[in-house]
Amino acid sequence: MARLQILELPEGTGDDRPPFILVIDEVAFDNPVYERFVADEELATGLASRVGARAVLVFEDTIDIPANDLTLTHVQEAADGNVIRLRVEPDLEGFTETVMTEVAKAQAEVMDARRGERR
């Protein structure tokens, strides 16, 4: 199943919020979403402007963005000299589906708007 990630970019002067790129990975080449993005560059551009991204990148492979690792590790030495490690991993169950639903809605709105322009 496709994943959505945010690649934050360095802020420039005049940026009112941090710039980012929307990265969609693990999309099979035969997936209609991938085919639409490849066939219609304006679709990606429209989606990017709609969500405030500088660009949308779509990949078949898994793209790991180290800054997006949400695993937290805390190491502390106890009074008796033992080391305590606490690892916290987020529970993002359902998050991908929710985001993909919103992306699909945005894509449909872009396509509807483009159809309206052609009339």
PDB file of N, CA and C in Angstrom:
ATOM      1  N   MET A   1       0.839  -1.170   0.000  1.00  0.00           N
ATOM      2  CA  MET A   1       0.000   0.000   0.000  1.00  0.00           C
ATOM      3  C   MET A   1       0.890   1.240   0.000  1.00  0.00           C
ATOM      4  N   ALA A   2       0.504   2.217  -0.730  1.00  0.00           N
ATOM      5  CA  ALA A   2       1.277   3.457  -0.848  1.00  0.00           C
ATOM      6  C   ALA A   2       1.402   4.151   0.502  1.00  0.00           C
ATOM      7  N   ARG A   3       2.526   4.858   0.662  1.00  0.00           N
ATOM      8  CA  ARG A   3       2.766   5.629   1.878  1.00  0.00           C
ATOM      9  C   ARG A   3       2.926   7.095   1.513  1.00  0.00           C
ATOM     10  N   LEU A   4       2.548   7.954   2.420  1.00  0.00           N
ATOM     11  CA  LEU A   4       2.748   9.395   2.267  1.00  0.00           C
ATOM     12  C   LEU A   4       3.774   9.847   3.292  1.00  0.00           C
ATOM     13  N   GLN A   5       4.707  10.672   2.847  1.00  0.00           N
ATOM     14  CA  GLN A   5       5.700  11.228   3.750  1.00  0.00           C
ATOM     15  C   GLN A   5       5.906  12.694   3.409  1.00  0.00           C
ATOM     16  N   ILE A   6       6.439  13.406   4.356  1.00  0.00           N
ATOM     17  CA  ILE A   6       6.765  14.816   4.165  1.00  0.00           C
ATOM     18  C   ILE A   6       8.278  14.946   4.248  1.00  0.00           C
ATOM     19  N   LEU A   7       8.868  15.561   3.240  1.00  0.00           N
ATOM     20  CA  LEU A   7      10.292  15.876   3.249  1.00  0.00           C
ATOM     21  C   LEU A   7      10.401  17.380   3.459  1.00  0.00           C
ATOM     22  N   GLU A   8      10.806  17.754   4.679  1.00  0.00           N
ATOM     23  CA  GLU A   8      10.929  19.184   4.966  1.00  0.00           C
ATOM     24  C   GLU A   8      12.164  19.742   4.285  1.00  0.00           C
ATOM     25  N   LEU A   9      12.018  20.947   3.743  1.00  0.00           N
ATOM     26  CA  LEU A   9      13.108  21.643   3.075  1.00  0.00           C
ATOM     27  C   LEU A   9      13.591  22.778   3.967  1.00  0.00           C
ATOM     28  N   PRO A  10      14.812  23.227   3.758  1.00  0.00           N
ATOM     29  CA  PRO A  10      15.294  24.370   4.552  1.00  0.00           C
ATOM     30  C   PRO A  10      14.444  25.603   4.271  1.00  0.00           C
ATOM     31  N   GLU A  11      14.209  26.362   5.333  1.00  0.00           N
ATOM     32  CA  GLU A  11      13.427  27.588   5.185  1.00  0.00           C
ATOM     33  C   GLU A  11      14.263  28.665   4.513  1.00  0.00           C
ATOM     34  N   GLY A  12      13.618  29.414   3.666  1.00  0.00           N
ATOM     35  CA  GLY A  12      14.269  30.545   3.022  1.00  0.00           C
ATOM     36  C   GLY A  12      13.715  31.839   3.578  1.00  0.00           C
ATOM     37  N   THR A  13      14.317  32.926   3.204  1.00  0.00           N
ATOM     38  CA  THR A  13      13.795  34.212   3.657  1.00  0.00           C
ATOM     39  C   THR A  13      12.432  34.425   3.016  1.00  0.00           C
ATOM     40  N   GLY A  14      11.516  34.890   3.795  1.00  0.00           N
ATOM     41  CA  GLY A  14      10.175  35.155   3.278  1.00  0.00           C
ATOM     42  C   GLY A  14       9.241  33.960   3.355  1.00  0.00           C
ATOM     43  N   ASP A  15       9.712  32.797   3.811  1.00  0.00           N
ATOM     44  CA  ASP A  15       8.827  31.638   3.968  1.00  0.00           C
ATOM     45  C   ASP A  15       7.977  31.847   5.214  1.00  0.00           C
ATOM     46  N   ASP A  16       6.647  31.827   5.048  1.00  0.00           N
ATOM     47  CA  ASP A  16       5.788  31.984   6.213  1.00  0.00           C
ATOM     48  C   ASP A  16       5.586  30.667   6.947  1.00  0.00           C
ATOM     49  N   ARG A  17       5.938  29.556   6.308  1.00  0.00           N
ATOM     50  CA  ARG A  17       5.932  28.248   6.963  1.00  0.00           C
ATOM     51  C   ARG A  17       6.989  27.391   6.290  1.00  0.00           C
ATOM     52  N   PRO A  18       7.462  26.353   6.976  1.00  0.00           N
ATOM     53  CA  PRO A  18       8.540  25.548   6.388  1.00  0.00           C
ATOM     54  C   PRO A  18       8.106  24.903   5.069  1.00  0.00           C
ATOM     55  N   PRO A  19       8.904  25.031   4.020  1.00  0.00           N
ATOM     56  CA  PRO A  19       8.570  24.393   2.739  1.00  0.00           C
ATOM     57  C   PRO A  19       8.772  22.888   2.827  1.00  0.00           C
ATOM     58  N   PHE A  20       8.019  22.147   2.025  1.00  0.00           N
ATOM     59  CA  PHE A  20       8.133  20.692   2.058  1.00  0.00           C
ATOM     60  C   PHE A  20       7.792  20.096   0.696  1.00  0.00           C
ATOM     61  N   ILE A  21       8.183  18.829   0.535  1.00  0.00           N
ATOM     62  CA  ILE A  21       7.818  18.049  -0.640  1.00  0.00           C
ATOM     63  C   ILE A  21       6.980  16.878  -0.151  1.00  0.00           C
ATOM     64  N   LEU A  22       5.871  16.603  -0.825  1.00  0.00           N
ATOM     65  CA  LEU A  22       5.045  15.438  -0.510  1.00  0.00           C
ATOM     66  C   LEU A  22       5.625  14.254  -1.264  1.00  0.00           C
ATOM     67  N   VAL A  23       6.000  13.202  -0.537  1.00  0.00           N
ATOM     68  CA  VAL A  23       6.589  12.006  -1.135  1.00  0.00           C
ATOM     69  C   VAL A  23       5.588  10.865  -0.984  1.00  0.00           C
ATOM     70  N   ILE A  24       5.208  10.284  -2.114  1.00  0.00           N
ATOM     71  CA  ILE A  24       4.320   9.116  -2.116  1.00  0.00           C
ATOM     72  C   ILE A  24       5.162   7.955  -2.626  1.00  0.00           C
ATOM     73  N   ASP A  25       5.371   6.946  -1.779  1.00  0.00           N
ATOM     74  CA  ASP A  25       6.194   5.816  -2.209  1.00  0.00           C
ATOM     75  C   ASP A  25       5.418   4.513  -2.063  1.00  0.00           C
ATOM     76  N   GLU A  26       6.065   3.445  -2.486  1.00  0.00           N
ATOM     77  CA  GLU A  26       5.467   2.104  -2.505  1.00  0.00           C
ATOM     78  C   GLU A  26       4.204   2.062  -3.371  1.00  0.00           C
ATOM     79  N   VAL A  27       4.252   2.789  -4.491  1.00  0.00           N
ATOM     80  CA  VAL A  27       3.135   2.796  -5.447  1.00  0.00           C
ATOM     81  C   VAL A  27       3.549   1.928  -6.632  1.00  0.00           C
ATOM     82  N   ALA A  28       2.827   0.855  -6.884  1.00  0.00           N
ATOM     83  CA  ALA A  28       3.157  -0.039  -7.995  1.00  0.00           C
ATOM     84  C   ALA A  28       3.008   0.690  -9.325  1.00  0.00           C
ATOM     85  N   PHE A  29       3.904   0.386 -10.263  1.00  0.00           N
ATOM     86  CA  PHE A  29       3.859   1.034 -11.574  1.00  0.00           C
ATOM     87  C   PHE A  29       2.516   0.820 -12.266  1.00  0.00           C
ATOM     88  N   ASP A  30       1.862  -0.314 -12.003  1.00  0.00           N
ATOM     89  CA  ASP A  30       0.580  -0.586 -12.660  1.00  0.00           C
ATOM     90  C   ASP A  30      -0.607   0.003 -11.895  1.00  0.00           C
ATOM     91  N   ASN A  31      -0.330   0.730 -10.807  1.00  0.00           N
ATOM     92  CA  ASN A  31      -1.380   1.377 -10.038  1.00  0.00           C
ATOM     93  C   ASN A  31      -1.892   2.585 -10.823  1.00  0.00           C
ATOM     94  N   PRO A  32      -3.206   2.749 -10.936  1.00  0.00           N
ATOM     95  CA  PRO A  32      -3.753   3.884 -11.697  1.00  0.00           C
ATOM     96  C   PRO A  32      -3.273   5.239 -11.180  1.00  0.00           C
ATOM     97  N   VAL A  33      -3.019   5.351  -9.873  1.00  0.00           N
ATOM     98  CA  VAL A  33      -2.530   6.622  -9.324  1.00  0.00           C
ATOM     99  C   VAL A  33      -1.173   6.954  -9.927  1.00  0.00           C
ATOM    100  N   TYR A  34      -0.286   5.960  -9.977  1.00  0.00           N
ATOM    101  CA  TYR A  34       1.047   6.181 -10.533  1.00  0.00           C
ATOM    102  C   TYR A  34       0.941   6.559 -12.010  1.00  0.00           C
ATOM    103  N   GLU A  35       0.115   5.818 -12.745  1.00  0.00           N
ATOM    104  CA  GLU A  35      -0.049   6.076 -14.175  1.00  0.00           C
ATOM    105  C   GLU A  35      -0.575   7.489 -14.418  1.00  0.00           C
ATOM    106  N   ARG A  36      -1.515   7.944 -13.573  1.00  0.00           N
ATOM    107  CA  ARG A  36      -2.064   9.297 -13.745  1.00  0.00           C
ATOM    108  C   ARG A  36      -1.009  10.362 -13.481  1.00  0.00           C
ATOM    109  N   PHE A  37      -0.191  10.153 -12.445  1.00  0.00           N
ATOM    110  CA  PHE A  37       0.850  11.133 -12.140  1.00  0.00           C
ATOM    111  C   PHE A  37       1.887  11.199 -13.246  1.00  0.00           C
ATOM    112  N   VAL A  38       2.229  10.047 -13.822  1.00  0.00           N
ATOM    113  CA  VAL A  38       3.226  10.032 -14.896  1.00  0.00           C
ATOM    114  C   VAL A  38       2.648  10.659 -16.162  1.00  0.00           C
ATOM    115  N   ALA A  39       1.400  10.344 -16.466  1.00  0.00           N
ATOM    116  CA  ALA A  39       0.785  10.828 -17.698  1.00  0.00           C
ATOM    117  C   ALA A  39       0.404  12.307 -17.623  1.00  0.00           C
ATOM    118  N   ASP A  40       0.143  12.807 -16.440  1.00  0.00           N
ATOM    119  CA  ASP A  40      -0.376  14.167 -16.314  1.00  0.00           C
ATOM    120  C   ASP A  40       0.422  14.937 -15.263  1.00  0.00           C
ATOM    121  N   GLU A  41       1.456  15.639 -15.720  1.00  0.00           N
ATOM    122  CA  GLU A  41       2.315  16.397 -14.805  1.00  0.00           C
ATOM    123  C   GLU A  41       1.527  17.484 -14.081  1.00  0.00           C
ATOM    124  N   GLU A  42       0.500  18.013 -14.720  1.00  0.00           N
ATOM    125  CA  GLU A  42      -0.307  19.055 -14.091  1.00  0.00           C
ATOM    126  C   GLU A  42      -1.065  18.539 -12.881  1.00  0.00           C
ATOM    127  N   LEU A  43      -1.362  17.239 -12.861  1.00  0.00           N
ATOM    128  CA  LEU A  43      -2.050  16.651 -11.710  1.00  0.00           C
ATOM    129  C   LEU A  43      -1.174  16.771 -10.476  1.00  0.00           C
ATOM    130  N   ALA A  44       0.094  16.408 -10.592  1.00  0.00           N
ATOM    131  CA  ALA A  44       1.024  16.516  -9.466  1.00  0.00           C
ATOM    132  C   ALA A  44       1.223  17.978  -9.079  1.00  0.00           C
ATOM    133  N   THR A  45       1.348  18.840 -10.065  1.00  0.00           N
ATOM    134  CA  THR A  45       1.532  20.262  -9.787  1.00  0.00           C
ATOM    135  C   THR A  45       0.310  20.827  -9.079  1.00  0.00           C
ATOM    136  N   GLY A  46      -0.877  20.440  -9.538  1.00  0.00           N
ATOM    137  CA  GLY A  46      -2.119  20.898  -8.913  1.00  0.00           C
ATOM    138  C   GLY A  46      -2.252  20.409  -7.485  1.00  0.00           C
ATOM    139  N   LEU A  47      -1.910  19.140  -7.257  1.00  0.00           N
ATOM    140  CA  LEU A  47      -1.976  18.588  -5.907  1.00  0.00           C
ATOM    141  C   LEU A  47      -0.971  19.296  -5.008  1.00  0.00           C
ATOM    142  N   ALA A  48       0.230  19.542  -5.521  1.00  0.00           N
ATOM    143  CA  ALA A  48       1.263  20.220  -4.729  1.00  0.00           C
ATOM    144  C   ALA A  48       0.780  21.603  -4.291  1.00  0.00           C
ATOM    145  N   SER A  49       0.229  22.365  -5.227  1.00  0.00           N
ATOM    146  CA  SER A  49      -0.213  23.712  -4.869  1.00  0.00           C
ATOM    147  C   SER A  49      -1.400  23.658  -3.906  1.00  0.00           C
ATOM    148  N   ARG A  50      -2.219  22.654  -4.049  1.00  0.00           N
ATOM    149  CA  ARG A  50      -3.402  22.504  -3.187  1.00  0.00           C
ATOM    150  C   ARG A  50      -3.026  22.227  -1.738  1.00  0.00           C
ATOM    151  N   VAL A  51      -1.999  21.398  -1.527  1.00  0.00           N
ATOM    152  CA  VAL A  51      -1.602  21.046  -0.160  1.00  0.00           C
ATOM    153  C   VAL A  51      -0.470  21.928   0.354  1.00  0.00           C
ATOM    154  N   GLY A  52       0.020  22.838  -0.483  1.00  0.00           N
ATOM    155  CA  GLY A  52       1.070  23.748  -0.063  1.00  0.00           C
ATOM    156  C   GLY A  52       2.476  23.207  -0.207  1.00  0.00           C
ATOM    157  N   ALA A  53       2.629  22.115  -0.946  1.00  0.00           N
ATOM    158  CA  ALA A  53       3.956  21.514  -1.136  1.00  0.00           C
ATOM    159  C   ALA A  53       4.676  22.187  -2.296  1.00  0.00           C
ATOM    160  N   ARG A  54       5.984  22.090  -2.290  1.00  0.00           N
ATOM    161  CA  ARG A  54       6.767  22.606  -3.416  1.00  0.00           C
ATOM    162  C   ARG A  54       6.682  21.650  -4.601  1.00  0.00           C
ATOM    163  N   ALA A  55       6.488  20.346  -4.301  1.00  0.00           N
ATOM    164  CA  ALA A  55       6.391  19.333  -5.362  1.00  0.00           C
ATOM    165  C   ALA A  55       5.762  18.076  -4.769  1.00  0.00           C
ATOM    166  N   VAL A  56       5.324  17.181  -5.651  1.00  0.00           N
ATOM    167  CA  VAL A  56       4.866  15.852  -5.263  1.00  0.00           C
ATOM    168  C   VAL A  56       5.732  14.860  -6.019  1.00  0.00           C
ATOM    169  N   LEU A  57       6.352  13.940  -5.296  1.00  0.00           N
ATOM    170  CA  LEU A  57       7.188  12.912  -5.909  1.00  0.00           C
ATOM    171  C   LEU A  57       6.545  11.561  -5.660  1.00  0.00           C
ATOM    172  N   VAL A  58       6.447  10.734  -6.713  1.00  0.00           N
ATOM    173  CA  VAL A  58       5.833   9.413  -6.610  1.00  0.00           C
ATOM    174  C   VAL A  58       6.871   8.367  -7.001  1.00  0.00           C
ATOM    175  N   PHE A  59       7.036   7.341  -6.152  1.00  0.00           N
ATOM    176  CA  PHE A  59       8.026   6.295  -6.374  1.00  0.00           C
ATOM    177  C   PHE A  59       7.410   4.919  -6.200  1.00  0.00           C
ATOM    178  N   GLU A  60       7.946   3.960  -6.956  1.00  0.00           N
ATOM    179  CA  GLU A  60       7.545   2.571  -6.749  1.00  0.00           C
ATOM    180  C   GLU A  60       8.290   1.998  -5.550  1.00  0.00           C
ATOM    181  N   ASP A  61       9.539   2.376  -5.382  1.00  0.00           N
ATOM    182  CA  ASP A  61      10.366   1.857  -4.294  1.00  0.00           C
ATOM    183  C   ASP A  61      10.010   2.524  -2.971  1.00  0.00           C
ATOM    184  N   THR A  62      10.543   1.934  -1.891  1.00  0.00           N
ATOM    185  CA  THR A  62      10.399   2.528  -0.572  1.00  0.00           C
ATOM    186  C   THR A  62      11.456   3.608  -0.408  1.00  0.00           C
ATOM    187  N   ILE A  63      11.032   4.783  -0.045  1.00  0.00           N
ATOM    188  CA  ILE A  63      11.936   5.904   0.176  1.00  0.00           C
ATOM    189  C   ILE A  63      11.949   6.196   1.678  1.00  0.00           C
ATOM    190  N   ASP A  64      13.106   5.999   2.298  1.00  0.00           N
ATOM    191  CA  ASP A  64      13.220   6.264   3.728  1.00  0.00           C
ATOM    192  C   ASP A  64      13.764   7.664   3.943  1.00  0.00           C
ATOM    193  N   ILE A  65      13.015   8.441   4.673  1.00  0.00           N
ATOM    194  CA  ILE A  65      13.430   9.789   5.033  1.00  0.00           C
ATOM    195  C   ILE A  65      13.754   9.745   6.526  1.00  0.00           C
ATOM    196  N   PRO A  66      15.051   9.751   6.872  1.00  0.00           N
ATOM    197  CA  PRO A  66      15.443   9.577   8.277  1.00  0.00           C
ATOM    198  C   PRO A  66      14.760  10.553   9.237  1.00  0.00           C
ATOM    199  N   ALA A  67      14.501  11.759   8.816  1.00  0.00           N
ATOM    200  CA  ALA A  67      13.870  12.738   9.703  1.00  0.00           C
ATOM    201  C   ALA A  67      12.443  12.332  10.063  1.00  0.00           C
ATOM    202  N   ASN A  68      11.853  11.411   9.307  1.00  0.00           N
ATOM    203  CA  ASN A  68      10.482  10.986   9.572  1.00  0.00           C
ATOM    204  C   ASN A  68      10.391   9.795  10.517  1.00  0.00           C
ATOM    205  N   ASP A  69      11.517   9.334  11.044  1.00  0.00           N
ATOM    206  CA  ASP A  69      11.508   8.231  12.001  1.00  0.00           C
ATOM    207  C   ASP A  69      10.913   8.741  13.302  1.00  0.00           C
ATOM    208  N   LEU A  70       9.769   8.206  13.680  1.00  0.00           N
ATOM    209  CA  LEU A  70       9.053   8.695  14.855  1.00  0.00           C
ATOM    210  C   LEU A  70       9.337   7.888  16.107  1.00  0.00           C
ATOM    211  N   THR A  71      10.293   6.975  16.044  1.00  0.00           N
ATOM    212  CA  THR A  71      10.630   6.185  17.212  1.00  0.00           C
ATOM    213  C   THR A  71      11.479   7.029  18.156  1.00  0.00           C
ATOM    214  N   LEU A  72      11.064   7.119  19.392  1.00  0.00           N
ATOM    215  CA  LEU A  72      11.784   7.896  20.387  1.00  0.00           C
ATOM    216  C   LEU A  72      12.489   6.952  21.349  1.00  0.00           C
ATOM    217  N   THR A  73      13.718   7.230  21.676  1.00  0.00           N
ATOM    218  CA  THR A  73      14.457   6.420  22.631  1.00  0.00           C
ATOM    219  C   THR A  73      14.985   7.341  23.722  1.00  0.00           C
ATOM    220  N   HIS A  74      14.730   6.945  24.935  1.00  0.00           N
ATOM    221  CA  HIS A  74      15.226   7.711  26.086  1.00  0.00           C
ATOM    222  C   HIS A  74      16.102   6.780  26.916  1.00  0.00           C
ATOM    223  N   VAL A  75      17.315   7.206  27.199  1.00  0.00           N
ATOM    224  CA  VAL A  75      18.244   6.415  28.003  1.00  0.00           C
ATOM    225  C   VAL A  75      18.524   7.180  29.285  1.00  0.00           C
ATOM    226  N   GLN A  76      18.400   6.463  30.406  1.00  0.00           N
ATOM    227  CA  GLN A  76      18.632   7.099  31.696  1.00  0.00           C
ATOM    228  C   GLN A  76      19.328   6.108  32.616  1.00  0.00           C
ATOM    229  N   GLU A  77      20.241   6.621  33.403  1.00  0.00           N
ATOM    230  CA  GLU A  77      20.921   5.759  34.367  1.00  0.00           C
ATOM    231  C   GLU A  77      20.155   5.812  35.679  1.00  0.00           C
ATOM    232  N   ALA A  78      19.807   4.631  36.194  1.00  0.00           N
ATOM    233  CA  ALA A  78      19.079   4.547  37.455  1.00  0.00           C
ATOM    234  C   ALA A  78      20.035   4.771  38.627  1.00  0.00           C
ATOM    235  N   ALA A  79      19.474   4.982  39.805  1.00  0.00           N
ATOM    236  CA  ALA A  79      20.279   5.235  41.005  1.00  0.00           C
ATOM    237  C   ALA A  79      21.219   4.082  41.318  1.00  0.00           C
ATOM    238  N   ASP A  80      20.820   2.858  40.953  1.00  0.00           N
ATOM    239  CA  ASP A  80      21.665   1.694  41.245  1.00  0.00           C
ATOM    240  C   ASP A  80      22.720   1.445  40.171  1.00  0.00           C
ATOM    241  N   GLY A  81      22.819   2.335  39.187  1.00  0.00           N
ATOM    242  CA  GLY A  81      23.828   2.205  38.142  1.00  0.00           C
ATOM    243  C   GLY A  81      23.354   1.482  36.897  1.00  0.00           C
ATOM    244  N   ASN A  82      22.179   0.876  36.934  1.00  0.00           N
ATOM    245  CA  ASN A  82      21.632   0.209  35.747  1.00  0.00           C
ATOM    246  C   ASN A  82      21.128   1.245  34.753  1.00  0.00           C
ATOM    247  N   VAL A  83      21.220   0.896  33.487  1.00  0.00           N
ATOM    248  CA  VAL A  83      20.744   1.787  32.434  1.00  0.00           C
ATOM    249  C   VAL A  83      19.321   1.393  32.062  1.00  0.00           C
ATOM    250  N   ILE A  84      18.460   2.387  32.006  1.00  0.00           N
ATOM    251  CA  ILE A  84      17.067   2.164  31.624  1.00  0.00           C
ATOM    252  C   ILE A  84      16.873   2.760  30.241  1.00  0.00           C
ATOM    253  N   ARG A  85      16.358   1.953  29.322  1.00  0.00           N
ATOM    254  CA  ARG A  85      16.055   2.433  27.964  1.00  0.00           C
ATOM    255  C   ARG A  85      14.551   2.327  27.754  1.00  0.00           C
ATOM    256  N   LEU A  86      13.985   3.411  27.292  1.00  0.00           N
ATOM    257  CA  LEU A  86      12.562   3.457  27.008  1.00  0.00           C
ATOM    258  C   LEU A  86      12.402   3.795  25.542  1.00  0.00           C
ATOM    259  N   ARG A  87      11.736   2.929  24.805  1.00  0.00           N
ATOM    260  CA  ARG A  87      11.524   3.156  23.375  1.00  0.00           C
ATOM    261  C   ARG A  87      10.029   3.326  23.135  1.00  0.00           C
ATOM    262  N   VAL A  88       9.664   4.429  22.497  1.00  0.00           N
ATOM    263  CA  VAL A  88       8.260   4.733  22.231  1.00  0.00           C
ATOM    264  C   VAL A  88       8.061   4.751  20.721  1.00  0.00           C
ATOM    265  N   GLU A  89       7.131   3.938  20.255  1.00  0.00           N
ATOM    266  CA  GLU A  89       6.802   3.902  18.835  1.00  0.00           C
ATOM    267  C   GLU A  89       5.362   4.352  18.655  1.00  0.00           C
ATOM    268  N   PRO A  90       5.101   5.204  17.669  1.00  0.00           N
ATOM    269  CA  PRO A  90       3.739   5.712  17.476  1.00  0.00           C
ATOM    270  C   PRO A  90       2.817   4.634  16.916  1.00  0.00           C
ATOM    271  N   ASP A  91       1.559   4.722  17.277  1.00  0.00           N
ATOM    272  CA  ASP A  91       0.536   3.853  16.712  1.00  0.00           C
ATOM    273  C   ASP A  91      -0.195   4.658  15.646  1.00  0.00           C
ATOM    274  N   LEU A  92       0.158   4.430  14.386  1.00  0.00           N
ATOM    275  CA  LEU A  92      -0.421   5.195  13.287  1.00  0.00           C
ATOM    276  C   LEU A  92      -1.437   4.377  12.496  1.00  0.00           C
ATOM    277  N   GLU A  93      -2.034   3.394  13.155  1.00  0.00           N
ATOM    278  CA  GLU A  93      -3.010   2.544  12.474  1.00  0.00           C
ATOM    279  C   GLU A  93      -4.150   3.406  11.928  1.00  0.00           C
ATOM    280  N   GLY A  94      -4.425   3.237  10.669  1.00  0.00           N
ATOM    281  CA  GLY A  94      -5.506   3.972  10.021  1.00  0.00           C
ATOM    282  C   GLY A  94      -5.080   5.322   9.451  1.00  0.00           C
ATOM    283  N   PHE A  95      -3.906   5.806   9.836  1.00  0.00           N
ATOM    284  CA  PHE A  95      -3.458   7.125   9.375  1.00  0.00           C
ATOM    285  C   PHE A  95      -3.267   7.142   7.864  1.00  0.00           C
ATOM    286  N   THR A  96      -2.592   6.116   7.335  1.00  0.00           N
ATOM    287  CA  THR A  96      -2.320   6.068   5.895  1.00  0.00           C
ATOM    288  C   THR A  96      -3.622   6.061   5.099  1.00  0.00           C
ATOM    289  N   GLU A  97      -4.582   5.263   5.548  1.00  0.00           N
ATOM    290  CA  GLU A  97      -5.854   5.183   4.836  1.00  0.00           C
ATOM    291  C   GLU A  97      -6.562   6.535   4.839  1.00  0.00           C
ATOM    292  N   THR A  98      -6.523   7.224   5.981  1.00  0.00           N
ATOM    293  CA  THR A  98      -7.158   8.534   6.080  1.00  0.00           C
ATOM    294  C   THR A  98      -6.513   9.532   5.127  1.00  0.00           C
ATOM    295  N   VAL A  99      -5.187   9.547   5.111  1.00  0.00           N
ATOM    296  CA  VAL A  99      -4.478  10.487   4.246  1.00  0.00           C
ATOM    297  C   VAL A  99      -4.712  10.141   2.779  1.00  0.00           C
ATOM    298  N   MET A 100      -4.666   8.844   2.428  1.00  0.00           N
ATOM    299  CA  MET A 100      -4.887   8.447   1.039  1.00  0.00           C
ATOM    300  C   MET A 100      -6.305   8.814   0.588  1.00  0.00           C
ATOM    301  N   THR A 101      -7.283   8.713   1.477  1.00  0.00           N
ATOM    302  CA  THR A 101      -8.644   9.121   1.148  1.00  0.00           C
ATOM    303  C   THR A 101      -8.688  10.618   0.829  1.00  0.00           C
ATOM    304  N   GLU A 102      -7.983  11.409   1.640  1.00  0.00           N
ATOM    305  CA  GLU A 102      -7.946  12.851   1.397  1.00  0.00           C
ATOM    306  C   GLU A 102      -7.216  13.184   0.096  1.00  0.00           C
ATOM    307  N   VAL A 103      -6.144  12.445  -0.205  1.00  0.00           N
ATOM    308  CA  VAL A 103      -5.426  12.655  -1.469  1.00  0.00           C
ATOM    309  C   VAL A 103      -6.338  12.317  -2.643  1.00  0.00           C
ATOM    310  N   ALA A 104      -7.077  11.224  -2.531  1.00  0.00           N
ATOM    311  CA  ALA A 104      -8.000  10.840  -3.606  1.00  0.00           C
ATOM    312  C   ALA A 104      -9.066  11.920  -3.817  1.00  0.00           C
ATOM    313  N   LYS A 105      -9.563  12.488  -2.715  1.00  0.00           N
ATOM    314  CA  LYS A 105     -10.551  13.569  -2.829  1.00  0.00           C
ATOM    315  C   LYS A 105      -9.940  14.779  -3.539  1.00  0.00           C
ATOM    316  N   ALA A 106      -8.714  15.123  -3.150  1.00  0.00           N
ATOM    317  CA  ALA A 106      -8.046  16.260  -3.784  1.00  0.00           C
ATOM    318  C   ALA A 106      -7.820  16.009  -5.264  1.00  0.00           C
ATOM    319  N   GLN A 107      -7.433  14.779  -5.610  1.00  0.00           N
ATOM    320  CA  GLN A 107      -7.229  14.431  -7.017  1.00  0.00           C
ATOM    321  C   GLN A 107      -8.537  14.559  -7.790  1.00  0.00           C
ATOM    322  N   ALA A 108      -9.628  14.084  -7.196  1.00  0.00           N
ATOM    323  CA  ALA A 108     -10.930  14.164  -7.862  1.00  0.00           C
ATOM    324  C   ALA A 108     -11.331  15.627  -8.073  1.00  0.00           C
ATOM    325  N   GLU A 109     -11.063  16.478  -7.082  1.00  0.00           N
ATOM    326  CA  GLU A 109     -11.397  17.894  -7.219  1.00  0.00           C
ATOM    327  C   GLU A 109     -10.561  18.555  -8.310  1.00  0.00           C
ATOM    328  N   VAL A 110      -9.284  18.183  -8.386  1.00  0.00           N
ATOM    329  CA  VAL A 110      -8.420  18.731  -9.440  1.00  0.00           C
ATOM    330  C   VAL A 110      -8.937  18.294 -10.802  1.00  0.00           C
ATOM    331  N   MET A 111      -9.289  17.030 -10.929  1.00  0.00           N
ATOM    332  CA  MET A 111      -9.795  16.521 -12.208  1.00  0.00           C
ATOM    333  C   MET A 111     -11.121  17.191 -12.564  1.00  0.00           C
ATOM    334  N   ASP A 112     -12.009  17.381 -11.583  1.00  0.00           N
ATOM    335  CA  ASP A 112     -13.277  18.069 -11.842  1.00  0.00           C
ATOM    336  C   ASP A 112     -13.027  19.507 -12.301  1.00  0.00           C
ATOM    337  N   ALA A 113     -12.078  20.175 -11.640  1.00  0.00           N
ATOM    338  CA  ALA A 113     -11.756  21.547 -12.024  1.00  0.00           C
ATOM    339  C   ALA A 113     -11.196  21.602 -13.433  1.00  0.00           C
ATOM    340  N   ARG A 114     -10.346  20.636 -13.779  1.00  0.00           N
ATOM    341  CA  ARG A 114      -9.770  20.610 -15.137  1.00  0.00           C
ATOM    342  C   ARG A 114     -10.855  20.333 -16.169  1.00  0.00           C
ATOM    343  N   ARG A 115     -11.799  19.482 -15.838  1.00  0.00           N
ATOM    344  CA  ARG A 115     -12.898  19.206 -16.780  1.00  0.00           C
ATOM    345  C   ARG A 115     -13.730  20.461 -16.988  1.00  0.00           C
ATOM    346  N   GLY A 116     -13.930  21.231 -15.900  1.00  0.00           N
ATOM    347  CA  GLY A 116     -14.700  22.475 -15.991  1.00  0.00           C
ATOM    348  C   GLY A 116     -14.000  23.516 -16.850  1.00  0.00           C
ATOM    349  N   GLU A 117     -12.657  23.522 -16.841  1.00  0.00           N
ATOM    350  CA  GLU A 117     -11.884  24.469 -17.656  1.00  0.00           C
ATOM    351  C   GLU A 117     -11.992  24.152 -19.134  1.00  0.00           C
ATOM    352  N   ARG A 118     -12.183  22.901 -19.447  1.00  0.00           N
ATOM    353  CA  ARG A 118     -12.214  22.473 -20.862  1.00  0.00           C
ATOM    354  C   ARG A 118     -13.539  22.747 -21.525  1.00  0.00           C
ATOM    355  N   ARG A 119     -14.563  23.038 -20.751  1.00  0.00           N
ATOM    356  CA  ARG A 119     -15.897  23.247 -21.326  1.00  0.00           C
ATOM    357  C   ARG A 119     -16.006  24.534 -22.061  1.00  0.00           C
TER     358      ARG A 119
END
